[in-house]
Amino acid sequence: MKVLRLQVLWILAFLLSAGADPFVGIWKLDPHMSKFTPGDPSLMVATMQIESTGNGLKSTVSGADGEGLANNMTFSCTLDGTPCKVKASVPMRGAAAVDTISLQRVDDHTIRATGLKNGKLVYSDHRVVSADGETLTVIRNGTTPEGRKYQSKVVLTRSR
């Protein structure tokens, strides 16, 4: 009887985790694995909490860019590329500030994202969660407000 209960619990745990979105969790910037070109938008610190909303994801981001400008924002997007509004605790500043984001699911572990400010593309991301679910890598192609193009690699590790 004890073995049967353990088997049932194991099966339930497997079924519950099988449907979980690999993006859901708390992610922290790994500055040693991330790559930013000097002069391009970068991050000093960042924490991202991603939650499932049923048909999309809600992200709460807290961070400071390479110039020390703090930006805290929340957005809830469906995963079909429909733009959603960014809600910031204070007006966002810095080269990577956006007011609209869209998310498009490519596969279970990949999302394409775009960030816009006043209707103008600021960046496009290729976001991938590793097979083991412990690393979120973001390859960002962006354009600074001065019109200079850049590419950065942002690596976050799962905190929870």
C-alpha atoms as a PDB file:
ATOM      1  CA  MET A   1       0.000   0.000   0.000  1.00  0.00           C
ATOM      2  CA  LYS A   2       2.856   2.386   0.878  1.00  0.00           C
ATOM      3  CA  VAL A   3       4.560   1.667  -2.466  1.00  0.00           C
ATOM      4  CA  LEU A   4       1.313   2.301  -4.340  1.00  0.00           C
ATOM      5  CA  ARG A   5       0.875   5.703  -2.609  1.00  0.00           C
ATOM      6  CA  LEU A   6       4.443   6.669  -3.532  1.00  0.00           C
ATOM      7  CA  GLN A   7       3.860   5.654  -7.153  1.00  0.00           C
ATOM      8  CA  VAL A   8       0.630   7.682  -7.306  1.00  0.00           C
ATOM      9  CA  LEU A   9       2.382  10.728  -5.803  1.00  0.00           C
ATOM     10  CA  TRP A  10       5.259  10.386  -8.266  1.00  0.00           C
ATOM     11  CA  ILE A  11       2.844  10.166 -11.214  1.00  0.00           C
ATOM     12  CA  LEU A  12       0.903  13.226  -9.991  1.00  0.00           C
ATOM     13  CA  ALA A  13       4.112  15.219  -9.562  1.00  0.00           C
ATOM     14  CA  PHE A  14       5.232  14.231 -13.063  1.00  0.00           C
ATOM     15  CA  LEU A  15       1.902  15.191 -14.629  1.00  0.00           C
ATOM     16  CA  LEU A  16       1.830  18.547 -12.863  1.00  0.00           C
ATOM     17  CA  SER A  17       5.392  19.418 -13.865  1.00  0.00           C
ATOM     18  CA  ALA A  18       5.030  18.173 -17.449  1.00  0.00           C
ATOM     19  CA  GLY A  19       2.676  21.008 -18.343  1.00  0.00           C
ATOM     20  CA  ALA A  20       4.700  23.730 -16.646  1.00  0.00           C
ATOM     21  CA  ASP A  21       6.061  26.499 -18.850  1.00  0.00           C
ATOM     22  CA  PRO A  22       9.891  26.480 -18.669  1.00  0.00           C
ATOM     23  CA  PHE A  23       9.928  30.301 -18.643  1.00  0.00           C
ATOM     24  CA  VAL A  24       7.940  30.482 -15.388  1.00  0.00           C
ATOM     25  CA  GLY A  25      10.113  31.212 -12.356  1.00  0.00           C
ATOM     26  CA  ILE A  26      12.459  33.782 -10.889  1.00  0.00           C
ATOM     27  CA  TRP A  27      15.539  34.598 -12.952  1.00  0.00           C
ATOM     28  CA  LYS A  28      18.652  36.558 -11.934  1.00  0.00           C
ATOM     29  CA  LEU A  29      21.261  38.133 -14.192  1.00  0.00           C
ATOM     30  CA  ASP A  30      24.579  36.300 -14.416  1.00  0.00           C
ATOM     31  CA  PRO A  31      26.916  39.208 -15.247  1.00  0.00           C
ATOM     32  CA  HIS A  32      29.887  36.888 -15.811  1.00  0.00           C
ATOM     33  CA  MET A  33      28.129  34.891 -18.544  1.00  0.00           C
ATOM     34  CA  SER A  34      26.431  37.929 -20.128  1.00  0.00           C
ATOM     35  CA  LYS A  35      28.182  39.876 -22.902  1.00  0.00           C
ATOM     36  CA  PHE A  36      27.710  43.595 -23.486  1.00  0.00           C
ATOM     37  CA  THR A  37      29.765  45.741 -25.843  1.00  0.00           C
ATOM     38  CA  PRO A  38      31.131  48.874 -24.095  1.00  0.00           C
ATOM     39  CA  GLY A  39      28.937  51.860 -24.912  1.00  0.00           C
ATOM     40  CA  ASP A  40      25.885  49.732 -25.727  1.00  0.00           C
ATOM     41  CA  PRO A  41      22.942  49.270 -23.335  1.00  0.00           C
ATOM     42  CA  SER A  42      23.908  46.838 -20.596  1.00  0.00           C
ATOM     43  CA  LEU A  43      22.673  45.625 -17.230  1.00  0.00           C
ATOM     44  CA  MET A  44      24.382  45.828 -13.858  1.00  0.00           C
ATOM     45  CA  VAL A  45      21.712  43.854 -12.017  1.00  0.00           C
ATOM     46  CA  ALA A  46      18.385  42.347 -13.032  1.00  0.00           C
ATOM     47  CA  THR A  47      15.766  40.052 -11.570  1.00  0.00           C
ATOM     48  CA  MET A  48      12.808  38.807 -13.578  1.00  0.00           C
ATOM     49  CA  GLN A  49       9.800  36.975 -12.188  1.00  0.00           C
ATOM     50  CA  ILE A  50       7.722  35.251 -14.857  1.00  0.00           C
ATOM     51  CA  GLU A  51       4.267  33.864 -14.062  1.00  0.00           C
ATOM     52  CA  SER A  52       1.757  31.985 -16.190  1.00  0.00           C
ATOM     53  CA  THR A  53      -1.498  33.803 -16.944  1.00  0.00           C
ATOM     54  CA  GLY A  54      -3.160  30.873 -18.696  1.00  0.00           C
ATOM     55  CA  ASN A  55      -2.873  32.183 -22.253  1.00  0.00           C
ATOM     56  CA  GLY A  56       0.333  34.166 -21.750  1.00  0.00           C
ATOM     57  CA  LEU A  57       3.020  35.298 -19.364  1.00  0.00           C
ATOM     58  CA  LYS A  58       3.238  38.074 -16.794  1.00  0.00           C
ATOM     59  CA  SER A  59       6.748  39.425 -16.236  1.00  0.00           C
ATOM     60  CA  THR A  60       7.910  41.640 -13.396  1.00  0.00           C
ATOM     61  CA  VAL A  61      11.381  43.027 -14.015  1.00  0.00           C
ATOM     62  CA  SER A  62      13.618  44.916 -11.624  1.00  0.00           C
ATOM     63  CA  GLY A  63      17.046  46.095 -12.662  1.00  0.00           C
ATOM     64  CA  ALA A  64      19.606  48.791 -13.255  1.00  0.00           C
ATOM     65  CA  ASP A  65      21.336  49.425 -16.543  1.00  0.00           C
ATOM     66  CA  GLY A  66      25.063  49.957 -17.086  1.00  0.00           C
ATOM     67  CA  GLU A  67      24.680  53.652 -16.232  1.00  0.00           C
ATOM     68  CA  GLY A  68      22.967  52.840 -12.931  1.00  0.00           C
ATOM     69  CA  LEU A  69      19.495  53.908 -14.108  1.00  0.00           C
ATOM     70  CA  ALA A  70      16.895  51.796 -12.288  1.00  0.00           C
ATOM     71  CA  ASN A  71      13.990  50.473 -14.319  1.00  0.00           C
ATOM     72  CA  ASN A  72      11.192  48.425 -12.805  1.00  0.00           C
ATOM     73  CA  MET A  73       8.366  47.236 -15.021  1.00  0.00           C
ATOM     74  CA  THR A  74       5.540  44.757 -15.354  1.00  0.00           C
ATOM     75  CA  PHE A  75       3.821  43.469 -18.469  1.00  0.00           C
ATOM     76  CA  SER A  76       1.338  40.703 -19.280  1.00  0.00           C
ATOM     77  CA  CYS A  77       1.402  39.434 -22.848  1.00  0.00           C
ATOM     78  CA  THR A  78      -0.262  36.674 -24.781  1.00  0.00           C
ATOM     79  CA  LEU A  79       2.241  34.550 -26.715  1.00  0.00           C
ATOM     80  CA  ASP A  80       0.863  35.328 -30.166  1.00  0.00           C
ATOM     81  CA  GLY A  81       2.819  38.507 -30.927  1.00  0.00           C
ATOM     82  CA  THR A  82       0.073  40.897 -29.814  1.00  0.00           C
ATOM     83  CA  PRO A  83       1.637  44.039 -28.287  1.00  0.00           C
ATOM     84  CA  CYS A  84       1.017  44.699 -24.600  1.00  0.00           C
ATOM     85  CA  LYS A  85       1.611  47.831 -22.562  1.00  0.00           C
ATOM     86  CA  VAL A  86       4.503  48.068 -20.138  1.00  0.00           C
ATOM     87  CA  LYS A  87       3.648  49.412 -16.687  1.00  0.00           C
ATOM     88  CA  ALA A  88       6.610  51.070 -14.985  1.00  0.00           C
ATOM     89  CA  SER A  89       6.778  52.210 -11.353  1.00  0.00           C
ATOM     90  CA  VAL A  90       8.608  55.349 -12.535  1.00  0.00           C
ATOM     91  CA  PRO A  91       9.081  56.581 -16.116  1.00  0.00           C
ATOM     92  CA  MET A  92      11.625  54.320 -17.787  1.00  0.00           C
ATOM     93  CA  ARG A  93      14.920  55.897 -18.755  1.00  0.00           C
ATOM     94  CA  GLY A  94      17.961  54.709 -20.647  1.00  0.00           C
ATOM     95  CA  ALA A  95      18.649  53.354 -24.119  1.00  0.00           C
ATOM     96  CA  ALA A  96      16.587  50.177 -23.653  1.00  0.00           C
ATOM     97  CA  ALA A  97      13.452  51.882 -22.251  1.00  0.00           C
ATOM     98  CA  VAL A  98      10.236  50.625 -23.885  1.00  0.00           C
ATOM     99  CA  ASP A  99       6.514  51.240 -23.510  1.00  0.00           C
ATOM    100  CA  THR A 100       5.228  48.223 -25.483  1.00  0.00           C
ATOM    101  CA  ILE A 101       6.394  44.602 -25.673  1.00  0.00           C
ATOM    102  CA  SER A 102       5.195  41.645 -27.722  1.00  0.00           C
ATOM    103  CA  LEU A 103       5.940  37.947 -27.178  1.00  0.00           C
ATOM    104  CA  GLN A 104       5.689  35.222 -29.814  1.00  0.00           C
ATOM    105  CA  ARG A 105       6.125  31.573 -28.771  1.00  0.00           C
ATOM    106  CA  VAL A 106       8.367  29.689 -31.218  1.00  0.00           C
ATOM    107  CA  ASP A 107       8.450  26.393 -29.288  1.00  0.00           C
ATOM    108  CA  ASP A 108       8.309  25.253 -25.652  1.00  0.00           C
ATOM    109  CA  HIS A 109      11.750  26.691 -24.882  1.00  0.00           C
ATOM    110  CA  THR A 110      11.906  29.677 -27.271  1.00  0.00           C
ATOM    111  CA  ILE A 111      10.167  33.054 -27.425  1.00  0.00           C
ATOM    112  CA  ARG A 112      10.729  35.977 -29.788  1.00  0.00           C
ATOM    113  CA  ALA A 113      10.140  39.360 -28.189  1.00  0.00           C
ATOM    114  CA  THR A 114      10.127  42.938 -29.405  1.00  0.00           C
ATOM    115  CA  GLY A 115      10.276  46.141 -27.401  1.00  0.00           C
ATOM    116  CA  LEU A 116       9.026  49.454 -28.765  1.00  0.00           C
ATOM    117  CA  LYS A 117       9.107  53.045 -27.542  1.00  0.00           C
ATOM    118  CA  ASN A 118       6.572  55.440 -29.086  1.00  0.00           C
ATOM    119  CA  GLY A 119       5.968  52.909 -31.880  1.00  0.00           C
ATOM    120  CA  LYS A 120       9.665  52.661 -32.804  1.00  0.00           C
ATOM    121  CA  LEU A 121      11.537  49.345 -32.510  1.00  0.00           C
ATOM    122  CA  VAL A 122      14.094  49.474 -29.663  1.00  0.00           C
ATOM    123  CA  TYR A 123      15.079  45.794 -29.620  1.00  0.00           C
ATOM    124  CA  SER A 124      14.201  42.308 -30.743  1.00  0.00           C
ATOM    125  CA  ASP A 125      15.061  39.345 -28.537  1.00  0.00           C
ATOM    126  CA  HIS A 126      15.538  35.629 -29.100  1.00  0.00           C
ATOM    127  CA  ARG A 127      14.867  34.116 -25.626  1.00  0.00           C
ATOM    128  CA  VAL A 128      15.737  30.469 -24.959  1.00  0.00           C
ATOM    129  CA  VAL A 129      15.416  28.382 -21.792  1.00  0.00           C
ATOM    130  CA  SER A 130      18.021  25.601 -21.640  1.00  0.00           C
ATOM    131  CA  ALA A 131      16.958  21.947 -21.799  1.00  0.00           C
ATOM    132  CA  ASP A 132      17.642  21.543 -18.057  1.00  0.00           C
ATOM    133  CA  GLY A 133      15.491  24.633 -17.332  1.00  0.00           C
ATOM    134  CA  GLU A 134      18.211  26.392 -15.332  1.00  0.00           C
ATOM    135  CA  THR A 135      19.386  29.080 -17.786  1.00  0.00           C
ATOM    136  CA  LEU A 136      17.523  31.723 -19.774  1.00  0.00           C
ATOM    137  CA  THR A 137      19.638  33.213 -22.582  1.00  0.00           C
ATOM    138  CA  VAL A 138      18.499  36.354 -24.373  1.00  0.00           C
ATOM    139  CA  ILE A 139      20.187  37.396 -27.613  1.00  0.00           C
ATOM    140  CA  ARG A 140      19.200  41.035 -28.095  1.00  0.00           C
ATOM    141  CA  ASN A 141      19.516  43.025 -31.302  1.00  0.00           C
ATOM    142  CA  GLY A 142      18.799  46.659 -30.651  1.00  0.00           C
ATOM    143  CA  THR A 143      19.214  50.210 -31.780  1.00  0.00           C
ATOM    144  CA  THR A 144      20.271  53.005 -29.440  1.00  0.00           C
ATOM    145  CA  PRO A 145      18.338  56.313 -29.455  1.00  0.00           C
ATOM    146  CA  GLU A 146      21.263  57.691 -31.525  1.00  0.00           C
ATOM    147  CA  GLY A 147      20.634  55.046 -34.198  1.00  0.00           C
ATOM    148  CA  ARG A 148      23.641  52.792 -33.443  1.00  0.00           C
ATOM    149  CA  LYS A 149      22.900  49.074 -33.793  1.00  0.00           C
ATOM    150  CA  TYR A 150      24.119  46.624 -31.150  1.00  0.00           C
ATOM    151  CA  GLN A 151      23.863  42.987 -30.099  1.00  0.00           C
ATOM    152  CA  SER A 152      24.122  41.693 -26.539  1.00  0.00           C
ATOM    153  CA  LYS A 153      23.839  38.356 -24.786  1.00  0.00           C
ATOM    154  CA  VAL A 154      21.968  38.412 -21.480  1.00  0.00           C
ATOM    155  CA  VAL A 155      22.223  35.246 -19.381  1.00  0.00           C
ATOM    156  CA  LEU A 156      19.933  34.695 -16.409  1.00  0.00           C
ATOM    157  CA  THR A 157      19.938  31.731 -14.049  1.00  0.00           C
ATOM    158  CA  ARG A 158      16.925  30.256 -12.310  1.00  0.00           C
ATOM    159  CA  SER A 159      16.602  31.365  -8.724  1.00  0.00           C
ATOM    160  CA  ARG A 160      13.345  29.460  -8.065  1.00  0.00           C
END
